[in-house]
Amino acid sequence: MTHPFVRLLDALYLACIWISGIALIVMCLVIPIGVVARYLFGFGAQWPEPIAILMMVVFTFFGAAAAYRAGAAPPQRDGQAVGQHLHRDVRAGFVHLAMLAASGFVVIWGFQLVQGMMGQTISELPWLPVGITYLALPLGSLVTAFFVLEHIVFGSQHARPVCTFDHEPGVAEEAI
């Protein structure tokens, strides 16, 4: 039986995947609209580019959090390969502390950025406060910090069924 906190983070992990997937789909749908409006109809729509950039930021920060939990993030692989002479647990601890420090920095300064920009609007999207556009930074970093703490306390979750794309052992190896 898994710990309730791990089950909560399972739901958060799946939410990150859905959020980043929907952001990617929206971005891929909005960019062609801008291209068609500009080159086929002869006028440049002002809203597709800011929406696409916003969706890319959402995709990046929530997708990175999900990738960290799934064990696919470069800091987990590359940071542990820094020096073969260091003990594996020391390297892993350094990677976790570095990820916590980076996530904490972005959470703290990101929320301050969101608050500071809340009174401004984007000229192309006057209904959208600039602070909302930056909200993905601290929220995605907060989720990443939760996943790092989970990795420290409960160990890696990358081999659990919720974090794998195939649930039958050997299927991926046979496909390659």
C-alpha atoms as a PDB file:
ATOM      1  CA  MET A   1       0.000   0.000   0.000  1.00  0.00           C
ATOM      2  CA  THR A   2       1.408   3.358  -0.938  1.00  0.00           C
ATOM      3  CA  HIS A   3       1.541   6.316   1.395  1.00  0.00           C
ATOM      4  CA  PRO A   4      -1.351   8.822   1.038  1.00  0.00           C
ATOM      5  CA  PHE A   5       1.134  11.586   0.176  1.00  0.00           C
ATOM      6  CA  VAL A   6       2.518   9.470  -2.672  1.00  0.00           C
ATOM      7  CA  ARG A   7      -1.020   8.822  -3.937  1.00  0.00           C
ATOM      8  CA  LEU A   8      -1.696  12.569  -3.820  1.00  0.00           C
ATOM      9  CA  LEU A   9       1.477  13.160  -5.817  1.00  0.00           C
ATOM     10  CA  ASP A  10       0.351  10.482  -8.290  1.00  0.00           C
ATOM     11  CA  ALA A  11      -2.725  12.613  -8.980  1.00  0.00           C
ATOM     12  CA  LEU A  12      -0.555  15.725  -9.187  1.00  0.00           C
ATOM     13  CA  TYR A  13       1.776  13.932 -11.610  1.00  0.00           C
ATOM     14  CA  LEU A  14      -1.128  12.958 -13.862  1.00  0.00           C
ATOM     15  CA  ALA A  15      -2.460  16.527 -13.651  1.00  0.00           C
ATOM     16  CA  CYS A  16       0.957  17.815 -14.766  1.00  0.00           C
ATOM     17  CA  ILE A  17       0.913  15.468 -17.734  1.00  0.00           C
ATOM     18  CA  TRP A  18      -2.590  16.564 -18.719  1.00  0.00           C
ATOM     19  CA  ILE A  19      -1.832  20.260 -18.231  1.00  0.00           C
ATOM     20  CA  SER A  20       1.344  20.090 -20.301  1.00  0.00           C
ATOM     21  CA  GLY A  21      -0.357  17.957 -22.965  1.00  0.00           C
ATOM     22  CA  ILE A  22      -3.295  20.334 -23.302  1.00  0.00           C
ATOM     23  CA  ALA A  23      -0.909  23.292 -23.432  1.00  0.00           C
ATOM     24  CA  LEU A  24       1.015  21.604 -26.247  1.00  0.00           C
ATOM     25  CA  ILE A  25      -2.181  20.882 -28.185  1.00  0.00           C
ATOM     26  CA  VAL A  26      -3.417  24.467 -27.780  1.00  0.00           C
ATOM     27  CA  MET A  27      -0.034  25.794 -28.878  1.00  0.00           C
ATOM     28  CA  CYS A  28      -0.029  23.548 -31.945  1.00  0.00           C
ATOM     29  CA  LEU A  29      -3.552  24.657 -32.862  1.00  0.00           C
ATOM     30  CA  VAL A  30      -2.996  28.379 -32.300  1.00  0.00           C
ATOM     31  CA  ILE A  31       0.202  28.775 -34.331  1.00  0.00           C
ATOM     32  CA  PRO A  32      -1.372  27.628 -37.635  1.00  0.00           C
ATOM     33  CA  ILE A  33      -4.297  29.992 -37.032  1.00  0.00           C
ATOM     34  CA  GLY A  34      -1.858  32.891 -36.930  1.00  0.00           C
ATOM     35  CA  VAL A  35      -0.067  31.679 -40.063  1.00  0.00           C
ATOM     36  CA  VAL A  36      -3.329  31.192 -41.997  1.00  0.00           C
ATOM     37  CA  ALA A  37      -4.632  34.592 -40.897  1.00  0.00           C
ATOM     38  CA  ARG A  38      -1.436  36.312 -42.001  1.00  0.00           C
ATOM     39  CA  TYR A  39      -0.677  34.587 -45.299  1.00  0.00           C
ATOM     40  CA  LEU A  40      -4.082  33.438 -46.512  1.00  0.00           C
ATOM     41  CA  PHE A  41      -6.360  36.238 -45.344  1.00  0.00           C
ATOM     42  CA  GLY A  42      -3.769  39.008 -45.447  1.00  0.00           C
ATOM     43  CA  PHE A  43      -4.027  40.280 -41.878  1.00  0.00           C
ATOM     44  CA  GLY A  44      -1.979  39.415 -38.846  1.00  0.00           C
ATOM     45  CA  ALA A  45      -3.985  38.185 -35.889  1.00  0.00           C
ATOM     46  CA  GLN A  46      -2.378  39.577 -32.756  1.00  0.00           C
ATOM     47  CA  TRP A  47      -3.480  36.973 -30.241  1.00  0.00           C
ATOM     48  CA  PRO A  48      -1.993  33.630 -31.499  1.00  0.00           C
ATOM     49  CA  GLU A  49       1.644  34.394 -30.715  1.00  0.00           C
ATOM     50  CA  PRO A  50       1.151  35.498 -27.071  1.00  0.00           C
ATOM     51  CA  ILE A  51      -1.155  32.528 -26.451  1.00  0.00           C
ATOM     52  CA  ALA A  52       1.400  30.140 -27.992  1.00  0.00           C
ATOM     53  CA  ILE A  53       4.191  31.588 -25.842  1.00  0.00           C
ATOM     54  CA  LEU A  54       2.038  31.270 -22.716  1.00  0.00           C
ATOM     55  CA  MET A  55       1.248  27.652 -23.575  1.00  0.00           C
ATOM     56  CA  MET A  56       4.950  26.922 -24.143  1.00  0.00           C
ATOM     57  CA  VAL A  57       5.774  28.244 -20.666  1.00  0.00           C
ATOM     58  CA  VAL A  58       2.984  26.131 -19.138  1.00  0.00           C
ATOM     59  CA  PHE A  59       4.160  23.080 -21.096  1.00  0.00           C
ATOM     60  CA  THR A  60       7.772  23.620 -20.051  1.00  0.00           C
ATOM     61  CA  PHE A  61       7.310  24.021 -16.310  1.00  0.00           C
ATOM     62  CA  PHE A  62       4.611  21.396 -15.729  1.00  0.00           C
ATOM     63  CA  GLY A  63       6.197  18.977 -18.197  1.00  0.00           C
ATOM     64  CA  ALA A  64       9.562  19.363 -16.459  1.00  0.00           C
ATOM     65  CA  ALA A  65       7.965  18.541 -13.107  1.00  0.00           C
ATOM     66  CA  ALA A  66       6.415  15.382 -14.561  1.00  0.00           C
ATOM     67  CA  ALA A  67       9.711  14.447 -16.224  1.00  0.00           C
ATOM     68  CA  TYR A  68      11.542  14.813 -12.915  1.00  0.00           C
ATOM     69  CA  ARG A  69       9.147  12.459 -11.169  1.00  0.00           C
ATOM     70  CA  ALA A  70       9.348   9.944 -14.012  1.00  0.00           C
ATOM     71  CA  GLY A  71      13.146   9.937 -13.753  1.00  0.00           C
ATOM     72  CA  ALA A  72      13.619  11.406 -17.236  1.00  0.00           C
ATOM     73  CA  ALA A  73      14.997  14.784 -16.167  1.00  0.00           C
ATOM     74  CA  PRO A  74      18.631  15.537 -17.084  1.00  0.00           C
ATOM     75  CA  PRO A  75      19.580  16.638 -13.534  1.00  0.00           C
ATOM     76  CA  GLN A  76      18.844  13.154 -12.261  1.00  0.00           C
ATOM     77  CA  ARG A  77      20.896  11.418 -14.932  1.00  0.00           C
ATOM     78  CA  ASP A  78      23.655  13.939 -15.627  1.00  0.00           C
ATOM     79  CA  GLY A  79      24.109  15.211 -12.087  1.00  0.00           C
ATOM     80  CA  GLN A  80      24.735  11.711 -10.807  1.00  0.00           C
ATOM     81  CA  ALA A  81      27.318  11.099 -13.520  1.00  0.00           C
ATOM     82  CA  VAL A  82      29.467  14.084 -12.523  1.00  0.00           C
ATOM     83  CA  GLY A  83      32.190  12.067 -10.888  1.00  0.00           C
ATOM     84  CA  GLN A  84      32.500   8.317 -10.600  1.00  0.00           C
ATOM     85  CA  HIS A  85      34.662   8.618  -7.484  1.00  0.00           C
ATOM     86  CA  LEU A  86      31.884  10.169  -5.409  1.00  0.00           C
ATOM     87  CA  HIS A  87      29.564   7.881  -3.569  1.00  0.00           C
ATOM     88  CA  ARG A  88      26.221   7.472  -5.335  1.00  0.00           C
ATOM     89  CA  ASP A  89      24.167   8.677  -2.358  1.00  0.00           C
ATOM     90  CA  VAL A  90      26.296  11.825  -2.026  1.00  0.00           C
ATOM     91  CA  ARG A  91      25.798  12.613  -5.717  1.00  0.00           C
ATOM     92  CA  ALA A  92      22.064  11.972  -5.478  1.00  0.00           C
ATOM     93  CA  GLY A  93      21.855  14.161  -2.373  1.00  0.00           C
ATOM     94  CA  PHE A  94      23.658  16.967  -4.170  1.00  0.00           C
ATOM     95  CA  VAL A  95      21.260  16.699  -7.125  1.00  0.00           C
ATOM     96  CA  HIS A  96      18.247  16.788  -4.801  1.00  0.00           C
ATOM     97  CA  LEU A  97      19.551  19.788  -2.885  1.00  0.00           C
ATOM     98  CA  ALA A  98      20.353  21.630  -6.106  1.00  0.00           C
ATOM     99  CA  MET A  99      16.874  20.910  -7.461  1.00  0.00           C
ATOM    100  CA  LEU A 100      15.282  22.048  -4.186  1.00  0.00           C
ATOM    101  CA  ALA A 101      17.339  25.244  -4.229  1.00  0.00           C
ATOM    102  CA  ALA A 102      16.437  26.001  -7.851  1.00  0.00           C
ATOM    103  CA  SER A 103      12.772  25.201  -7.274  1.00  0.00           C
ATOM    104  CA  GLY A 104      12.666  27.269  -4.094  1.00  0.00           C
ATOM    105  CA  PHE A 105      14.259  30.218  -5.851  1.00  0.00           C
ATOM    106  CA  VAL A 106      11.714  30.121  -8.674  1.00  0.00           C
ATOM    107  CA  VAL A 107       8.794  29.640  -6.262  1.00  0.00           C
ATOM    108  CA  ILE A 108       9.755  32.598  -4.077  1.00  0.00           C
ATOM    109  CA  TRP A 109      10.782  35.014  -6.807  1.00  0.00           C
ATOM    110  CA  GLY A 110       8.139  33.726  -9.202  1.00  0.00           C
ATOM    111  CA  PHE A 111       5.270  34.511  -6.840  1.00  0.00           C
ATOM    112  CA  GLN A 112       6.758  37.951  -6.249  1.00  0.00           C
ATOM    113  CA  LEU A 113       6.916  38.435 -10.028  1.00  0.00           C
ATOM    114  CA  VAL A 114       3.292  37.331 -10.386  1.00  0.00           C
ATOM    115  CA  GLN A 115       2.172  39.769  -7.684  1.00  0.00           C
ATOM    116  CA  GLY A 116       4.208  42.623  -9.146  1.00  0.00           C
ATOM    117  CA  MET A 117       2.834  42.148 -12.655  1.00  0.00           C
ATOM    118  CA  MET A 118      -0.802  41.585 -11.748  1.00  0.00           C
ATOM    119  CA  GLY A 119      -1.817  45.177 -12.491  1.00  0.00           C
ATOM    120  CA  GLN A 120      -0.445  45.155 -16.046  1.00  0.00           C
ATOM    121  CA  THR A 121      -1.993  43.692 -19.180  1.00  0.00           C
ATOM    122  CA  ILE A 122      -0.657  42.371 -22.467  1.00  0.00           C
ATOM    123  CA  SER A 123      -1.526  44.772 -25.280  1.00  0.00           C
ATOM    124  CA  GLU A 124      -2.652  41.953 -27.587  1.00  0.00           C
ATOM    125  CA  LEU A 125      -4.744  40.369 -24.815  1.00  0.00           C
ATOM    126  CA  PRO A 126      -6.139  43.184 -22.666  1.00  0.00           C
ATOM    127  CA  TRP A 127      -8.337  40.775 -20.692  1.00  0.00           C
ATOM    128  CA  LEU A 128      -5.299  38.801 -19.425  1.00  0.00           C
ATOM    129  CA  PRO A 129      -3.166  40.231 -16.598  1.00  0.00           C
ATOM    130  CA  VAL A 130       0.575  39.749 -17.097  1.00  0.00           C
ATOM    131  CA  GLY A 131       0.816  38.162 -13.640  1.00  0.00           C
ATOM    132  CA  ILE A 132      -1.355  35.264 -14.784  1.00  0.00           C
ATOM    133  CA  THR A 133       1.020  34.591 -17.664  1.00  0.00           C
ATOM    134  CA  TYR A 134       3.887  34.133 -15.197  1.00  0.00           C
ATOM    135  CA  LEU A 135       1.906  31.895 -12.833  1.00  0.00           C
ATOM    136  CA  ALA A 136       3.190  28.681 -14.436  1.00  0.00           C
ATOM    137  CA  LEU A 137       6.732  29.422 -13.209  1.00  0.00           C
ATOM    138  CA  PRO A 138       6.128  29.290  -9.448  1.00  0.00           C
ATOM    139  CA  LEU A 139       3.382  26.656  -9.657  1.00  0.00           C
ATOM    140  CA  GLY A 140       5.440  24.291 -11.822  1.00  0.00           C
ATOM    141  CA  SER A 141       8.453  24.825  -9.562  1.00  0.00           C
ATOM    142  CA  LEU A 142       6.342  24.140  -6.472  1.00  0.00           C
ATOM    143  CA  VAL A 143       5.212  20.848  -7.988  1.00  0.00           C
ATOM    144  CA  THR A 144       8.824  20.030  -8.826  1.00  0.00           C
ATOM    145  CA  ALA A 145       9.816  20.734  -5.208  1.00  0.00           C
ATOM    146  CA  PHE A 146       7.090  18.339  -4.023  1.00  0.00           C
ATOM    147  CA  PHE A 147       8.414  15.657  -6.369  1.00  0.00           C
ATOM    148  CA  VAL A 148      11.983  16.210  -5.162  1.00  0.00           C
ATOM    149  CA  LEU A 149      10.881  15.919  -1.522  1.00  0.00           C
ATOM    150  CA  GLU A 150       8.977  12.761  -2.422  1.00  0.00           C
ATOM    151  CA  HIS A 151      12.112  11.338  -4.025  1.00  0.00           C
ATOM    152  CA  ILE A 152      14.140  12.141  -0.913  1.00  0.00           C
ATOM    153  CA  VAL A 153      11.618  10.689   1.553  1.00  0.00           C
ATOM    154  CA  PHE A 154      10.003   7.814  -0.356  1.00  0.00           C
ATOM    155  CA  GLY A 155      12.586   7.077  -3.039  1.00  0.00           C
ATOM    156  CA  SER A 156      12.315   7.191  -6.799  1.00  0.00           C
ATOM    157  CA  GLN A 157       8.857   6.653  -8.266  1.00  0.00           C
ATOM    158  CA  HIS A 158       9.945   6.171 -11.874  1.00  0.00           C
ATOM    159  CA  ALA A 159       9.407   2.396 -11.881  1.00  0.00           C
ATOM    160  CA  ARG A 160       5.826   2.546 -10.574  1.00  0.00           C
ATOM    161  CA  PRO A 161       2.998   1.887 -13.057  1.00  0.00           C
ATOM    162  CA  VAL A 162       1.749   5.475 -12.872  1.00  0.00           C
ATOM    163  CA  CYS A 163       5.110   6.732 -14.176  1.00  0.00           C
ATOM    164  CA  THR A 164       5.681   4.199 -16.945  1.00  0.00           C
ATOM    165  CA  PHE A 165       4.223   4.277 -20.427  1.00  0.00           C
ATOM    166  CA  ASP A 166       3.880   0.524 -20.670  1.00  0.00           C
ATOM    167  CA  HIS A 167       2.590  -1.679 -17.915  1.00  0.00           C
ATOM    168  CA  GLU A 168       3.732  -4.954 -19.365  1.00  0.00           C
ATOM    169  CA  PRO A 169       7.391  -5.759 -18.711  1.00  0.00           C
ATOM    170  CA  GLY A 170       9.438  -6.412 -21.806  1.00  0.00           C
ATOM    171  CA  VAL A 171       7.096  -4.716 -24.275  1.00  0.00           C
ATOM    172  CA  ALA A 172       9.299  -1.675 -24.772  1.00  0.00           C
ATOM    173  CA  GLU A 173      12.427  -3.799 -25.150  1.00  0.00           C
ATOM    174  CA  GLU A 174      10.756  -5.993 -27.781  1.00  0.00           C
ATOM    175  CA  ALA A 175       9.575  -2.958 -29.742  1.00  0.00           C
ATOM    176  CA  ILE A 176      13.141  -1.707 -30.072  1.00  0.00           C
END
